[in-house]
Amino acid sequence: MLLRKEHIDGDGLIGIGKITDNHQALLLSLPQSQQRAAEEYVSKMRSERRVIEWLTTRVLLFELLGEEKMIDNRPDGRPFLIDGSYKISISHTKDYAAVLLHKQHSVGIDVETISGRVSKLADKFISENEYIDHSQQVIHQLLHWSAKETMFKMMEESEIDFKEHLHIHPFNPERKGVFQANESKTPQQKTFQIHYEVLPDAVLTWAVDR
C-alpha cells in the first residue's frame, strides 16, 4: 500500500500509496479497533470508488504514522485530524493516493494521472499570461492544474476561480523541482512555493503554507 514515505520541511510528512480495489483487504489493513466502524460507515456509500478512496486514505495514514488517527471533514469538505496533532491534506487519482501532514502549518497536496484530456480543459484554468512549454504541453498544463488544486486546499476561501485568482509563475518542467505561485483572491495575496514531481504515469504537487 505505502509506496513512499518522506519527511519534509522539518515537521512535515508525505505518504504516497498505490490504490488497490480490494475492499476487504483494505478493511483488514486498518487498526482492528477501527474496522467495525469503518465497515458500517462505507456500507452507506453508493460509490464503490468512493469506498476504496476512503479506506485507502485511512490505511495510508495508519501506515505513515504507525498509530491510530481519526479523520473527519469540515462543512466545506476539508479534512482534519480529530486529535489536532497534524494539519492534513489528501488527494486521490486513478492509481495513487497521497497524504501530506504538518504539525504547524496548513498544507496542500495533489496527485493527477497523466492524460491528454487536460488540454481540452486548459483554457478554463490557465490564463493568457501563464507560460506553457508546448514541447511538453500535457505535463506542463497538468502541473498548472495540480498546483492550483494544491493552493486551493490551503486557502480557506470559497468561490475561487482557478484562472482568475490563482497564478503560476513561469517555469520549465523537469522531473522534479520547485516553482512559485501566488493568489489574488485575498488581501494578503500570498505567494506559495510549489514542489512538484513527474512520475511515470502521474504528477504530484505539494506545498506548506508559511
Protein backbone atom coordinates (compact mmCIF):
# COMPACT_ATOMS: atom_id res chain seq x y z
CA MET A 1 0.00 0.00 0.00
CA LEU A 2 2.57 2.60 1.13
CA LEU A 3 4.99 3.19 -1.74
CA ARG A 4 6.94 6.08 -0.28
CA LYS A 5 7.34 7.94 2.99
CA GLU A 6 9.24 11.22 3.02
CA HIS A 7 9.99 13.75 5.76
CA ILE A 8 9.78 17.35 4.54
CA ASP A 9 10.05 20.84 5.98
CA GLY A 10 11.04 19.81 9.49
CA ASP A 11 7.67 18.77 10.88
CA GLY A 12 6.11 17.53 7.63
CA LEU A 13 5.49 14.05 6.29
CA ILE A 14 4.37 12.84 2.86
CA GLY A 15 2.96 9.42 2.09
CA ILE A 16 2.31 8.11 -1.42
CA GLY A 17 0.33 4.89 -1.76
CA LYS A 18 -0.86 2.59 -4.51
CA ILE A 19 -4.62 2.23 -4.68
CA THR A 20 -5.94 -1.32 -4.60
CA ASP A 21 -9.52 -2.26 -5.43
CA ASN A 22 -9.57 -5.00 -2.78
CA HIS A 23 -12.20 -3.60 -0.42
CA GLN A 24 -11.84 -6.38 2.17
CA ALA A 25 -8.03 -6.24 2.23
CA LEU A 26 -8.20 -2.51 2.91
CA LEU A 27 -10.59 -3.01 5.82
CA LEU A 28 -8.29 -5.62 7.35
CA SER A 29 -5.32 -3.25 6.99
CA LEU A 30 -6.95 -0.72 9.32
CA PRO A 31 -6.29 -0.84 13.08
CA GLN A 32 -8.51 -3.58 14.49
CA SER A 33 -10.32 -1.10 16.74
CA GLN A 34 -11.47 0.87 13.67
CA GLN A 35 -12.53 -1.97 11.39
CA ARG A 36 -16.14 -2.44 12.51
CA ALA A 37 -16.97 1.29 12.49
CA ALA A 38 -15.28 1.68 9.10
CA GLU A 39 -17.24 -1.21 7.64
CA GLU A 40 -20.51 0.27 8.87
CA TYR A 41 -19.60 3.70 7.51
CA VAL A 42 -18.62 2.59 4.00
CA SER A 43 -21.69 0.32 3.74
CA LYS A 44 -23.75 3.52 3.39
CA MET A 45 -21.70 4.79 0.44
CA ARG A 46 -23.23 4.30 -3.00
CA SER A 47 -19.98 4.55 -4.97
CA GLU A 48 -17.50 1.68 -4.72
CA ARG A 49 -14.79 4.05 -5.92
CA ARG A 50 -15.57 6.38 -3.01
CA VAL A 51 -15.34 3.41 -0.62
CA ILE A 52 -11.91 2.47 -1.96
CA GLU A 53 -10.63 6.06 -1.69
CA TRP A 54 -12.00 6.50 1.84
CA LEU A 55 -10.43 3.26 3.06
CA THR A 56 -7.15 3.81 1.19
CA THR A 57 -6.64 7.22 2.81
CA ARG A 58 -7.09 5.81 6.30
CA VAL A 59 -4.85 2.81 5.69
CA LEU A 60 -2.20 5.10 4.23
CA LEU A 61 -2.38 7.40 7.25
CA PHE A 62 -2.01 4.43 9.62
CA GLU A 63 0.97 3.05 7.69
CA LEU A 64 2.53 6.50 7.52
CA LEU A 65 2.35 7.27 11.25
CA GLY A 66 2.22 3.80 12.78
CA GLU A 67 -0.54 4.88 15.14
CA GLU A 68 -4.30 5.32 15.06
CA LYS A 69 -5.70 8.64 13.87
CA MET A 70 -9.27 9.65 13.04
CA ILE A 71 -10.03 11.84 10.03
CA ASP A 72 -13.15 13.99 9.85
CA ASN A 73 -14.30 16.68 7.41
CA ARG A 74 -15.30 20.28 7.94
CA PRO A 75 -18.59 21.54 6.41
CA ASP A 76 -16.67 22.66 3.29
CA GLY A 77 -15.25 19.16 2.88
CA ARG A 78 -11.70 19.89 4.03
CA PRO A 79 -10.22 17.05 6.11
CA PHE A 80 -8.78 17.36 9.59
CA LEU A 81 -7.47 15.04 12.30
CA ILE A 82 -9.76 14.88 15.30
CA ASP A 83 -6.87 14.98 17.77
CA GLY A 84 -5.37 18.05 16.07
CA SER A 85 -1.88 16.53 16.03
CA TYR A 86 -1.25 17.43 12.38
CA LYS A 87 -2.68 19.55 9.61
CA ILE A 88 -3.63 17.22 6.77
CA SER A 89 -4.22 17.29 3.03
CA ILE A 90 -5.38 14.33 0.92
CA SER A 91 -5.50 13.54 -2.78
CA HIS A 92 -6.55 10.57 -4.94
CA THR A 93 -6.22 9.72 -8.58
CA LYS A 94 -6.74 6.55 -10.61
CA ASP A 95 -3.82 4.57 -9.18
CA TYR A 96 -2.44 6.66 -6.33
CA ALA A 97 -3.37 8.20 -3.01
CA ALA A 98 -1.32 10.92 -1.34
CA VAL A 99 -1.34 12.34 2.20
CA LEU A 100 0.60 15.36 3.46
CA LEU A 101 0.90 16.12 7.18
CA HIS A 102 2.45 19.03 9.06
CA LYS A 103 2.43 19.78 12.78
CA GLN A 104 2.31 23.57 12.44
CA HIS A 105 1.26 24.84 9.02
CA SER A 106 -1.62 24.31 6.60
CA VAL A 107 -0.68 22.07 3.72
CA GLY A 108 -1.89 21.10 0.27
CA ILE A 109 -1.12 18.08 -1.90
CA ASP A 110 -2.45 16.87 -5.22
CA VAL A 111 -1.75 13.89 -7.47
CA GLU A 112 -3.09 13.64 -11.04
CA THR A 113 -2.95 10.86 -13.61
CA ILE A 114 -1.20 11.94 -16.81
CA SER A 115 -3.79 12.26 -19.58
CA GLY A 116 -4.20 14.36 -22.72
CA ARG A 117 -7.69 15.26 -21.53
CA VAL A 118 -6.21 18.20 -19.61
CA SER A 119 -5.51 20.04 -22.89
CA LYS A 120 -9.23 20.18 -23.67
CA LEU A 121 -9.88 21.97 -20.38
CA ALA A 122 -6.75 24.11 -20.12
CA ASP A 123 -8.37 27.39 -21.16
CA LYS A 124 -10.71 27.12 -18.18
CA PHE A 125 -7.91 27.25 -15.59
CA ILE A 126 -4.81 28.67 -17.32
CA SER A 127 -4.77 32.39 -18.09
CA GLU A 128 -3.27 34.01 -21.19
CA ASN A 129 -0.44 35.38 -19.01
CA GLU A 130 0.70 31.96 -17.80
CA TYR A 131 3.54 30.22 -19.64
CA ILE A 132 3.17 26.75 -21.17
CA ASP A 133 6.08 24.95 -22.83
CA HIS A 134 4.37 23.39 -25.85
CA SER A 135 7.14 20.81 -26.28
CA GLN A 136 5.78 19.17 -23.10
CA GLN A 137 2.31 20.66 -23.14
CA VAL A 138 0.33 17.95 -21.34
CA ILE A 139 2.75 17.69 -18.41
CA HIS A 140 3.03 21.46 -18.07
CA GLN A 141 -0.73 22.00 -18.20
CA LEU A 142 -1.29 19.20 -15.72
CA LEU A 143 1.26 20.69 -13.32
CA HIS A 144 -0.64 24.01 -13.52
CA TRP A 145 -3.90 22.24 -12.65
CA SER A 146 -2.34 20.18 -9.86
CA ALA A 147 -0.58 23.22 -8.36
CA LYS A 148 -3.82 25.19 -8.32
CA GLU A 149 -5.58 22.29 -6.60
CA THR A 150 -2.79 22.31 -4.03
CA MET A 151 -3.19 26.07 -3.48
CA PHE A 152 -6.97 25.78 -3.23
CA LYS A 153 -6.63 23.20 -0.46
CA MET A 154 -4.55 25.60 1.63
CA MET A 155 -6.89 28.58 1.21
CA GLU A 156 -9.91 28.73 3.47
CA GLU A 157 -11.86 30.63 0.83
CA SER A 158 -14.94 29.96 -1.27
CA GLU A 159 -15.65 30.92 -4.88
CA ILE A 160 -12.02 30.65 -6.01
CA ASP A 161 -11.65 30.89 -9.78
CA PHE A 162 -8.54 28.92 -10.79
CA LYS A 163 -7.97 31.06 -13.88
CA GLU A 164 -8.64 34.45 -12.30
CA HIS A 165 -7.37 34.06 -8.73
CA LEU A 166 -4.50 31.51 -8.89
CA HIS A 167 -1.33 32.30 -10.83
CA ILE A 168 1.61 30.06 -11.70
CA HIS A 169 4.93 31.83 -12.26
CA PRO A 170 6.89 30.79 -15.38
CA PHE A 171 8.95 27.60 -15.12
CA ASN A 172 10.12 24.77 -17.38
CA PRO A 173 9.11 21.33 -16.12
CA GLU A 174 11.86 18.94 -15.08
CA ARG A 175 11.45 15.55 -13.44
CA LYS A 176 11.36 17.22 -10.04
CA GLY A 177 11.61 20.77 -8.76
CA VAL A 178 10.02 23.85 -7.19
CA PHE A 179 8.20 26.80 -8.73
CA GLN A 180 6.40 29.83 -7.37
CA ALA A 181 2.71 30.64 -7.49
CA ASN A 182 0.52 33.30 -5.95
CA GLU A 183 -3.13 34.02 -5.29
CA SER A 184 -5.02 37.26 -5.84
CA LYS A 185 -8.25 36.25 -4.08
CA THR A 186 -7.37 37.51 -0.59
CA PRO A 187 -5.99 40.85 0.67
CA GLN A 188 -2.79 39.03 1.68
CA GLN A 189 -2.14 37.84 -1.90
CA LYS A 190 0.04 35.02 -0.66
CA THR A 191 2.95 33.50 -2.56
CA PHE A 192 3.50 29.73 -2.41
CA GLN A 193 6.48 27.50 -3.10
CA ILE A 194 5.06 24.59 -5.08
CA HIS A 195 7.10 21.40 -5.01
CA TYR A 196 6.46 19.02 -7.87
CA GLU A 197 7.44 15.64 -9.26
CA VAL A 198 6.66 13.99 -12.57
CA LEU A 199 6.11 10.26 -12.03
CA PRO A 200 5.92 7.74 -14.90
CA ASP A 201 2.12 7.95 -15.02
CA ALA A 202 1.17 10.87 -12.75
CA VAL A 203 2.23 14.28 -11.47
CA LEU A 204 2.47 15.26 -7.82
CA THR A 205 2.46 18.76 -6.29
CA TRP A 206 2.57 19.88 -2.69
CA ALA A 207 3.14 22.99 -0.59
CA VAL A 208 3.31 24.20 3.00
CA ASP A 209 1.56 27.49 3.80
CA ARG A 210 4.06 29.52 5.82
